[in-house]
């Protein structure tokens, strides 16, 4: 390729030295050849105390293995499944931060990035490459790193928006044409469908959608086929949105900003999704500073933000990042979009979750499990949806909230929740549950 000199991954990662901070590109474009080469250097004890930073990577994360303690230290912005056990055991760590502010930590110098490791598309005739499926905080890392190493991969889609960078902004190039990491949609359960139906009933024509990946978002999307003029402004989207685009349901006509465009900061899905964004001017992959900025989100009308939670107490406090003191995920963009939707004209912030865990434990609890992180405060919560219904807590008293949440709790747990509310609020509190 013109103006590009390729070197091996092993040679490229020689720029990393002890005490450096390395930023890794996220999700589907995780730069695995560079990670593998860097870990080999670590195993050879060529450096120590290299801090690894990323939002969420997919695939193996050998830099977090316990045997490399002292060689690498992972400090992630979000705890994904591939580093969860290591984080819970203390071999890796987590930086609590709103997703929108991950780029700020880099741009304002709180976290000095020495080396950025990214994966990009092949260059066009003007010398531009694309960050493809993930812009997030990686653009900030590229802008501020001492050295940027890029894997040039023909499988990385050429996405527009903030994803486009020039080869002059890259220092070292490695060629690798491995397939991107994919995530095929999983099965949708009866519980997911019930939740999806209640959420879909809240979505109005002309709404701007924010939702993630998984069975519940897919269930919601599958029920929006008769809606009109929906838009997308989200931190991410996945394959579930594509049928609605094909039907013309999602067209962005009602958006106040980025009219006609689907906006996201990262994507995760199948090759079909990655092919969809390739050379598609209707998709704008943007900096997370833009996608998750409350004042930007709120400009669109009827922003309908659909998020989830691990646990919610009977007053509306939401835990979405830990199970007690055991860390599970991260703050992510929940607050960014709950606030943005609440300030949008006609907006609806929604929390959707099954009423119980896989072990039958109620997700609606008298109090949050001790040590649980309060990701969203009582004041942030509007709509809460389970398979037993949808309730709106906004503007309601603590006791009203308890009654509403108990009404959508699993019937097996309603009596215990009622007794807990009685103990908390006094003898005048009483919730009548359906014992049939």
Protein backbone atom coordinates (compact mmCIF):
# COMPACT_ATOMS: atom_id res chain seq x y z
CA UNK A 1 0.00 0.00 0.00
CA UNK A 2 1.29 3.43 -0.97
CA UNK A 3 3.19 5.38 1.71
CA UNK A 4 2.93 2.55 4.21
CA UNK A 5 5.84 0.43 5.38
CA UNK A 6 4.65 -2.68 7.18
CA UNK A 7 6.56 -4.33 10.00
CA UNK A 8 5.79 -7.39 12.09
CA UNK A 9 3.70 -7.20 15.24
CA UNK A 10 6.72 -8.39 17.25
CA UNK A 11 8.81 -5.52 15.91
CA UNK A 12 6.05 -2.94 16.41
CA UNK A 13 5.49 -3.68 20.10
CA UNK A 14 9.17 -3.12 20.87
CA UNK A 15 8.25 0.53 21.43
CA UNK A 16 6.55 -0.44 24.70
CA UNK A 17 8.78 -0.03 27.74
CA UNK A 18 8.43 -0.43 31.50
CA UNK A 19 5.88 1.83 33.19
CA UNK A 20 4.13 2.70 29.91
CA UNK A 21 0.36 2.95 29.57
CA UNK A 22 -1.06 1.14 26.54
CA UNK A 23 -4.54 1.83 25.19
CA UNK A 24 -6.24 -1.02 23.30
CA UNK A 25 -8.87 -0.57 20.61
CA UNK A 26 -12.25 -1.93 21.67
CA UNK A 27 -14.78 -4.68 21.08
CA UNK A 28 -14.80 -6.18 17.55
CA UNK A 29 -11.55 -4.49 16.50
CA UNK A 30 -9.50 -5.60 19.51
CA UNK A 31 -5.94 -5.77 18.06
CA UNK A 32 -5.16 -9.38 18.96
CA UNK A 33 -1.93 -9.78 16.92
CA UNK A 34 -0.41 -6.84 18.80
CA UNK A 35 -1.71 -8.14 22.14
CA UNK A 36 -0.18 -11.56 21.46
CA UNK A 37 3.19 -10.05 20.55
CA UNK A 38 3.16 -7.74 23.58
CA UNK A 39 2.32 -10.59 25.94
CA UNK A 40 5.20 -12.63 24.52
CA UNK A 41 7.55 -9.79 25.42
CA UNK A 42 6.00 -9.72 28.86
CA UNK A 43 6.53 -13.43 29.37
CA UNK A 44 10.18 -12.89 28.46
CA UNK A 45 10.32 -10.26 31.21
CA UNK A 46 11.46 -7.54 28.82
CA UNK A 47 9.57 -4.90 30.83
CA UNK A 48 7.56 -4.42 34.00
CA UNK A 49 4.53 -2.50 35.19
CA UNK A 50 2.93 -1.85 31.81
CA UNK A 51 -0.58 -0.56 32.37
CA UNK A 52 -3.21 -1.78 29.93
CA UNK A 53 -6.26 0.41 29.39
CA UNK A 54 -9.41 -0.26 27.39
CA UNK A 55 -13.16 0.04 27.51
CA UNK A 56 -14.17 -3.49 26.59
CA UNK A 57 -12.27 -6.01 24.52
CA UNK A 58 -13.53 -9.22 22.96
CA UNK A 59 -11.61 -12.47 22.79
CA UNK A 60 -8.66 -13.62 24.94
CA UNK A 61 -7.16 -11.13 27.39
CA UNK A 62 -3.83 -12.78 28.34
CA UNK A 63 -2.46 -9.51 29.73
CA UNK A 64 -4.83 -10.01 32.69
CA UNK A 65 -3.58 -13.50 33.55
CA UNK A 66 -2.45 -13.83 37.19
CA UNK A 67 0.96 -15.26 36.20
CA UNK A 68 1.78 -11.92 34.56
CA UNK A 69 1.16 -9.92 37.72
CA UNK A 70 3.81 -7.20 37.95
CA UNK A 71 4.37 -7.34 34.21
CA UNK A 72 0.95 -5.98 33.23
CA UNK A 73 -1.71 -4.16 35.20
CA UNK A 74 -5.14 -3.92 33.60
CA UNK A 75 -7.13 -0.79 34.41
CA UNK A 76 -10.31 -1.12 32.35
CA UNK A 77 -13.13 1.39 31.94
CA UNK A 78 -15.64 -1.49 31.76
CA UNK A 79 -15.28 -5.05 33.05
CA UNK A 80 -16.15 -7.45 30.25
CA UNK A 81 -16.66 -11.18 30.55
CA UNK A 82 -13.08 -11.89 29.40
CA UNK A 83 -11.51 -10.09 32.39
CA UNK A 84 -14.27 -10.46 34.99
CA UNK A 85 -12.75 -13.28 37.04
CA UNK A 86 -9.33 -11.63 37.05
CA UNK A 87 -10.84 -8.32 38.19
CA UNK A 88 -12.88 -9.98 40.91
CA UNK A 89 -9.73 -11.75 42.13
CA UNK A 90 -7.77 -8.49 42.22
CA UNK A 91 -5.31 -9.30 39.41
CA UNK A 92 -6.96 -6.65 37.25
CA UNK A 93 -8.65 -3.42 38.24
CA UNK A 94 -11.38 -1.04 37.12
CA UNK A 95 -11.66 2.75 36.78
CA UNK A 96 -15.19 3.99 37.60
CA UNK A 97 -16.12 6.55 34.96
CA UNK A 98 -19.09 7.61 32.87
CA UNK A 99 -18.59 6.31 29.35
CA UNK A 100 -18.82 9.85 27.98
CA UNK A 101 -15.86 10.89 30.15
CA UNK A 102 -13.49 8.06 29.20
CA UNK A 103 -12.08 10.29 26.46
CA UNK A 104 -11.77 13.17 28.93
CA UNK A 105 -9.44 11.16 31.15
CA UNK A 106 -7.14 10.86 28.15
CA UNK A 107 -7.53 14.30 26.59
CA UNK A 108 -7.11 16.20 29.85
CA UNK A 109 -4.08 14.18 30.89
CA UNK A 110 -5.49 12.23 33.82
CA UNK A 111 -4.30 9.09 32.04
CA UNK A 112 -1.20 9.61 29.92
CA UNK A 113 -1.26 7.21 26.94
CA UNK A 114 2.20 6.21 25.76
CA UNK A 115 1.15 3.67 23.12
CA UNK A 116 -2.18 3.28 21.33
CA UNK A 117 -2.79 -0.06 19.63
CA UNK A 118 -5.57 0.06 17.07
CA UNK A 119 -7.01 -1.74 14.07
CA UNK A 120 -8.08 0.16 10.94
CA UNK A 121 -9.42 -0.28 7.43
CA UNK A 122 -7.25 -0.16 4.34
CA UNK A 123 -6.47 3.42 3.28
CA UNK A 124 -8.37 5.22 0.55
CA UNK A 125 -6.68 7.21 -2.24
CA UNK A 126 -6.49 10.25 0.04
CA UNK A 127 -4.65 8.38 2.78
CA UNK A 128 -7.56 8.04 5.18
CA UNK A 129 -8.33 4.90 7.15
CA UNK A 130 -11.28 4.16 9.40
CA UNK A 131 -11.44 3.03 13.00
CA UNK A 132 -14.35 0.92 11.83
CA UNK A 133 -16.63 -0.50 14.47
CA UNK A 134 -15.18 1.40 17.46
CA UNK A 135 -14.39 5.07 17.88
CA UNK A 136 -15.27 5.40 21.61
CA UNK A 137 -12.26 6.74 23.56
CA UNK A 138 -9.80 5.29 21.06
CA UNK A 139 -9.80 8.43 18.92
CA UNK A 140 -8.68 10.40 21.97
CA UNK A 141 -5.92 7.83 22.56
CA UNK A 142 -4.69 8.17 18.96
CA UNK A 143 -4.70 11.96 19.24
CA UNK A 144 -2.70 11.94 22.47
CA UNK A 145 -0.46 8.87 22.39
CA UNK A 146 3.29 9.15 22.00
CA UNK A 147 3.15 6.27 19.52
CA UNK A 148 0.23 4.78 17.60
CA UNK A 149 0.49 1.28 16.17
CA UNK A 150 -2.18 0.26 13.67
CA UNK A 151 -3.10 -3.10 12.23
CA UNK A 152 -4.33 -2.49 8.69
CA UNK A 153 -7.05 -5.06 8.07
CA UNK A 154 -9.19 -5.35 4.95
CA UNK A 155 -12.02 -6.74 7.09
CA UNK A 156 -12.38 -3.52 9.09
CA UNK A 157 -15.36 -1.65 7.61
CA UNK A 158 -14.83 1.83 6.27
CA UNK A 159 -17.14 3.72 8.61
CA UNK A 160 -17.65 7.48 8.43
CA UNK A 161 -18.04 10.20 11.06
CA UNK A 162 -15.24 10.60 13.58
CA UNK A 163 -13.94 7.15 12.61
CA UNK A 164 -11.89 8.56 9.71
CA UNK A 165 -8.23 9.32 10.52
CA UNK A 166 -5.25 9.95 8.25
CA UNK A 167 -2.29 7.60 7.97
CA UNK A 168 -0.06 10.52 9.01
CA UNK A 169 -1.58 10.16 12.49
CA UNK A 170 -0.19 6.62 12.73
CA UNK A 171 3.45 5.81 13.49
CA UNK A 172 3.79 2.06 12.91
CA UNK A 173 1.86 -0.27 10.62
CA UNK A 174 1.23 -4.00 10.80
CA UNK A 175 -0.74 -5.93 8.19
CA UNK A 176 -3.19 -8.63 9.27
CA UNK A 177 -6.43 -9.65 7.59
CA UNK A 178 -8.02 -11.79 10.28
CA UNK A 179 -11.79 -11.75 10.58
CA UNK A 180 -13.21 -9.37 13.18
CA UNK A 181 -14.69 -10.74 16.39
CA UNK A 182 -18.39 -11.43 15.95
CA UNK A 183 -21.33 -11.86 18.34
CA UNK A 184 -24.30 -13.71 16.90
CA UNK A 185 -27.71 -12.87 18.41
CA UNK A 186 -28.70 -15.31 21.14
CA UNK A 187 -32.10 -16.90 21.75
CA UNK A 188 -35.01 -14.82 23.03
CA UNK A 189 -36.84 -16.38 25.98
CA UNK A 190 -40.53 -16.04 26.86
CA UNK A 191 -39.52 -13.68 29.66
CA UNK A 192 -37.52 -11.55 27.23
CA UNK A 193 -40.53 -11.37 24.89
CA UNK A 194 -42.84 -10.27 27.67
CA UNK A 195 -40.40 -7.54 28.70
CA UNK A 196 -39.90 -6.58 25.05
CA UNK A 197 -43.65 -6.22 24.54
CA UNK A 198 -44.05 -3.87 27.50
CA UNK A 199 -41.07 -1.77 26.37
CA UNK A 200 -42.25 -1.66 22.75
CA UNK A 201 -45.59 -0.27 23.93
CA UNK A 202 -43.68 2.69 25.39
CA UNK A 203 -41.88 3.48 22.13
CA UNK A 204 -43.68 6.17 20.16
CA UNK A 205 -43.53 6.86 16.44
CA UNK A 206 -40.73 9.31 15.74
CA UNK A 207 -38.70 8.20 18.77
CA UNK A 208 -34.90 8.23 18.83
CA UNK A 209 -33.66 4.91 20.20
CA UNK A 210 -30.77 4.00 22.45
CA UNK A 211 -30.28 0.38 23.36
CA UNK A 212 -27.54 -2.16 23.68
CA UNK A 213 -26.93 -5.74 22.68
CA UNK A 214 -28.68 -8.82 24.04
CA UNK A 215 -31.96 -10.68 24.22
CA UNK A 216 -34.10 -7.89 25.69
CA UNK A 217 -33.05 -5.22 23.14
CA UNK A 218 -33.56 -7.76 20.35
CA UNK A 219 -36.99 -8.64 21.74
CA UNK A 220 -37.95 -4.95 21.78
CA UNK A 221 -36.70 -4.38 18.24
CA UNK A 222 -38.58 -7.42 16.95
CA UNK A 223 -41.84 -5.78 18.06
CA UNK A 224 -41.33 -2.38 16.44
CA UNK A 225 -42.12 -3.43 12.88
CA UNK A 226 -45.28 -1.32 12.69
CA UNK A 227 -43.71 1.84 14.07
CA UNK A 228 -42.83 4.85 11.94
CA UNK A 229 -39.86 7.18 11.54
CA UNK A 230 -37.64 5.87 14.31
CA UNK A 231 -34.10 7.15 14.69
CA UNK A 232 -30.96 5.87 16.35
CA UNK A 233 -28.57 7.79 18.59
CA UNK A 234 -26.88 5.25 20.82
CA UNK A 235 -23.55 4.28 22.27
CA UNK A 236 -23.96 1.12 20.19
CA UNK A 237 -26.30 -0.96 18.10
CA UNK A 238 -26.27 -4.55 16.88
CA UNK A 239 -27.85 -6.78 14.21
CA UNK A 240 -31.32 -6.52 15.74
CA UNK A 241 -31.78 -3.05 14.26
CA UNK A 242 -31.14 -4.12 10.65
CA UNK A 243 -34.62 -5.52 9.82
CA UNK A 244 -36.14 -2.20 10.91
CA UNK A 245 -33.75 -0.32 8.63
CA UNK A 246 -34.64 -2.60 5.73
CA UNK A 247 -38.37 -2.01 6.34
CA UNK A 248 -37.90 1.74 6.49
CA UNK A 249 -39.07 1.89 10.11
CA UNK A 250 -35.69 3.29 11.14
CA UNK A 251 -34.99 6.25 8.89
CA UNK A 252 -34.05 9.08 11.24
CA UNK A 253 -36.51 11.51 9.64
CA UNK A 254 -37.73 12.82 12.99
CA UNK A 255 -34.29 13.50 14.48
CA UNK A 256 -33.39 17.09 15.24
CA UNK A 257 -29.65 16.50 14.78
CA UNK A 258 -27.90 14.02 12.49
CA UNK A 259 -31.18 13.73 10.62
CA UNK A 260 -31.33 10.53 8.59
CA UNK A 261 -28.20 9.11 10.21
CA UNK A 262 -27.73 6.27 12.67
CA UNK A 263 -25.23 7.45 15.30
CA UNK A 264 -23.13 5.20 17.55
CA UNK A 265 -19.65 5.08 19.06
CA UNK A 266 -19.07 1.32 18.83
CA UNK A 267 -20.75 -1.76 17.36
CA UNK A 268 -20.81 -5.46 18.09
CA UNK A 269 -22.52 -8.08 15.95
CA UNK A 270 -22.07 -10.31 12.93
CA UNK A 271 -20.33 -9.76 9.62
CA UNK A 272 -23.71 -8.67 8.25
CA UNK A 273 -23.65 -5.70 10.63
CA UNK A 274 -20.06 -4.82 9.77
CA UNK A 275 -20.86 -5.00 6.05
CA UNK A 276 -23.87 -2.74 6.67
CA UNK A 277 -21.75 0.13 8.01
CA UNK A 278 -19.04 -0.24 5.34
CA UNK A 279 -19.08 2.84 3.08
CA UNK A 280 -22.55 3.69 4.45
CA UNK A 281 -23.09 7.47 4.69
CA UNK A 282 -26.24 6.76 6.73
CA UNK A 283 -24.12 5.61 9.68
CA UNK A 284 -21.97 8.01 11.70
CA UNK A 285 -19.46 6.39 14.06
CA UNK A 286 -18.70 9.19 16.48
CA UNK A 287 -16.43 10.07 19.38
CA UNK A 288 -17.94 8.98 22.71
CA UNK A 289 -17.71 12.61 23.82
CA UNK A 290 -20.45 13.31 21.26
CA UNK A 291 -22.63 10.20 21.39
CA UNK A 292 -22.88 10.13 25.17
CA UNK A 293 -22.97 13.84 25.94
CA UNK A 294 -26.22 14.59 27.75
CA UNK A 295 -26.75 17.93 26.03
CA UNK A 296 -26.33 16.29 22.62
CA UNK A 297 -28.62 13.34 23.40
CA UNK A 298 -31.34 15.66 24.68
CA UNK A 299 -31.54 17.61 21.40
CA UNK A 300 -33.34 14.77 19.65
CA UNK A 301 -37.08 14.38 20.35
CA UNK A 302 -38.61 11.40 22.15
CA UNK A 303 -35.29 9.85 23.10
CA UNK A 304 -36.20 6.40 24.36
CA UNK A 305 -33.25 5.01 26.29
CA UNK A 306 -33.46 1.33 27.15
CA UNK A 307 -30.97 0.11 29.73
CA UNK A 308 -30.77 -2.70 32.25
CA UNK A 309 -29.74 -3.35 35.84
CA UNK A 310 -28.48 -6.05 38.14
CA UNK A 311 -30.65 -4.92 41.04
CA UNK A 312 -33.03 -2.13 42.08
CA UNK A 313 -34.25 -1.41 45.58
CA UNK A 314 -37.86 -0.55 46.43
CA UNK A 315 -37.11 3.18 46.33
CA UNK A 316 -35.53 3.12 42.87
CA UNK A 317 -31.80 3.01 43.57
CA UNK A 318 -30.17 1.05 40.75
CA UNK A 319 -27.07 -1.12 40.82
CA UNK A 320 -25.75 -1.98 37.38
CA UNK A 321 -22.04 -2.65 37.93
CA UNK A 322 -21.61 -5.06 40.85
CA UNK A 323 -23.20 -7.86 42.81
CA UNK A 324 -22.60 -6.64 46.32
CA UNK A 325 -18.86 -5.96 46.52
CA UNK A 326 -18.14 -8.32 43.62
CA UNK A 327 -17.49 -6.19 40.55
CA UNK A 328 -19.33 -7.31 37.44
CA UNK A 329 -19.31 -4.71 34.66
CA UNK A 330 -19.13 -0.91 34.82
CA UNK A 331 -20.94 2.39 34.95
CA UNK A 332 -21.00 2.53 31.16
CA UNK A 333 -23.39 4.95 29.50
CA UNK A 334 -26.46 4.33 31.62
CA UNK A 335 -26.47 7.70 33.36
CA UNK A 336 -25.49 9.50 30.14
CA UNK A 337 -28.61 8.23 28.39
CA UNK A 338 -31.02 8.23 31.32
CA UNK A 339 -30.27 11.91 31.80
CA UNK A 340 -30.30 12.65 28.08
CA UNK A 341 -33.66 10.93 27.61
CA UNK A 342 -35.17 12.64 30.63
CA UNK A 343 -34.23 16.05 29.20
CA UNK A 344 -35.40 15.20 25.68
CA UNK A 345 -38.82 16.52 24.65
CA UNK A 346 -41.13 13.54 25.09
CA UNK A 347 -38.19 11.36 26.13
CA UNK A 348 -38.48 8.14 28.12
CA UNK A 349 -35.66 6.72 30.24
CA UNK A 350 -36.38 3.00 30.68
CA UNK A 351 -34.79 0.27 32.81
CA UNK A 352 -35.78 -3.19 31.60
CA UNK A 353 -34.85 -6.41 33.37
CA UNK A 354 -36.21 -9.82 34.37
CA UNK A 355 -37.85 -9.83 37.79
CA UNK A 356 -35.57 -12.61 39.06
CA UNK A 357 -32.07 -13.90 38.44
CA UNK A 358 -31.31 -17.30 36.95
CA UNK A 359 -31.17 -18.59 40.54
CA UNK A 360 -34.64 -17.25 41.36
CA UNK A 361 -33.45 -14.28 43.44
CA UNK A 362 -35.58 -11.16 43.13
CA UNK A 363 -33.87 -8.33 41.28
CA UNK A 364 -36.22 -5.94 43.06
CA UNK A 365 -34.88 -5.90 46.61
CA UNK A 366 -35.75 -4.25 49.95
CA UNK A 367 -32.26 -2.74 49.94
CA UNK A 368 -29.33 -3.11 47.58
CA UNK A 369 -26.94 -5.89 48.54
CA UNK A 370 -24.34 -4.37 50.89
CA UNK A 371 -21.42 -3.08 48.87
CA UNK A 372 -23.43 -2.73 45.67
CA UNK A 373 -22.59 0.27 43.53
CA UNK A 374 -25.37 2.82 43.01
CA UNK A 375 -24.94 3.56 39.32
CA UNK A 376 -28.23 5.45 38.98
CA UNK A 377 -29.78 7.32 41.87
CA UNK A 378 -33.49 7.34 42.77
CA UNK A 379 -33.82 10.71 41.09
CA UNK A 380 -32.63 9.35 37.73
CA UNK A 381 -35.22 6.60 37.44
CA UNK A 382 -38.42 6.91 35.42
CA UNK A 383 -39.77 3.76 33.75
CA UNK A 384 -38.98 0.31 35.15
CA UNK A 385 -40.08 -2.76 33.21
CA UNK A 386 -40.13 -6.46 34.06
CA UNK A 387 -42.06 -9.33 32.54
CA UNK A 388 -44.89 -8.39 34.91
CA UNK A 389 -45.43 -4.86 33.68
CA UNK A 390 -44.14 -1.31 33.31
CA UNK A 391 -44.29 1.41 35.99
CA UNK A 392 -43.18 5.03 36.03
CA UNK A 393 -41.48 6.16 39.24
CA UNK A 394 -40.89 9.74 38.15
CA UNK A 395 -42.46 12.23 40.55
CA UNK A 396 -43.63 9.51 42.92
CA UNK A 397 -42.98 9.33 46.66
CA UNK A 398 -40.80 6.66 48.24
CA UNK A 399 -43.85 4.73 49.39
CA UNK A 400 -45.54 5.01 46.00
CA UNK A 401 -42.35 3.78 44.37
CA UNK A 402 -42.26 0.77 46.66
CA UNK A 403 -45.86 -0.12 45.78
CA UNK A 404 -45.23 0.29 42.06
CA UNK A 405 -42.06 -1.79 42.08
CA UNK A 406 -43.65 -4.52 44.17
CA UNK A 407 -46.45 -4.67 41.60
CA UNK A 408 -43.98 -5.74 38.88
CA UNK A 409 -41.88 -8.01 41.10
CA UNK A 410 -42.12 -11.76 40.76
CA UNK A 411 -45.22 -12.99 42.65
CA UNK A 412 -43.07 -15.36 44.71
CA UNK A 413 -41.28 -12.36 46.22
CA UNK A 414 -44.07 -9.80 46.58
CA UNK A 415 -45.06 -10.76 50.10
CA UNK A 416 -41.50 -10.48 51.40
CA UNK A 417 -41.06 -7.12 49.67
CA UNK A 418 -44.33 -5.92 51.18
CA UNK A 419 -43.16 -6.89 54.67
CA UNK A 420 -39.85 -5.11 54.13
CA UNK A 421 -41.65 -1.96 52.98
CA UNK A 422 -43.94 -2.23 56.02
CA UNK A 423 -40.88 -2.37 58.31
CA UNK A 424 -39.30 0.56 56.50
CA UNK A 425 -42.24 2.93 56.17
CA UNK A 426 -44.44 1.99 59.10
CA UNK A 427 -47.74 0.28 59.82
CA UNK A 428 -49.72 2.54 57.45
CA UNK A 429 -47.88 1.04 54.46
CA UNK A 430 -49.65 -1.85 52.81
CA UNK A 431 -49.48 -3.34 49.36
CA UNK A 432 -52.21 -5.72 48.22
CA UNK A 433 -50.67 -8.33 45.91
CA UNK A 434 -52.43 -10.80 43.70
CA UNK A 435 -52.20 -14.15 45.46
CA UNK A 436 -53.73 -15.97 42.53
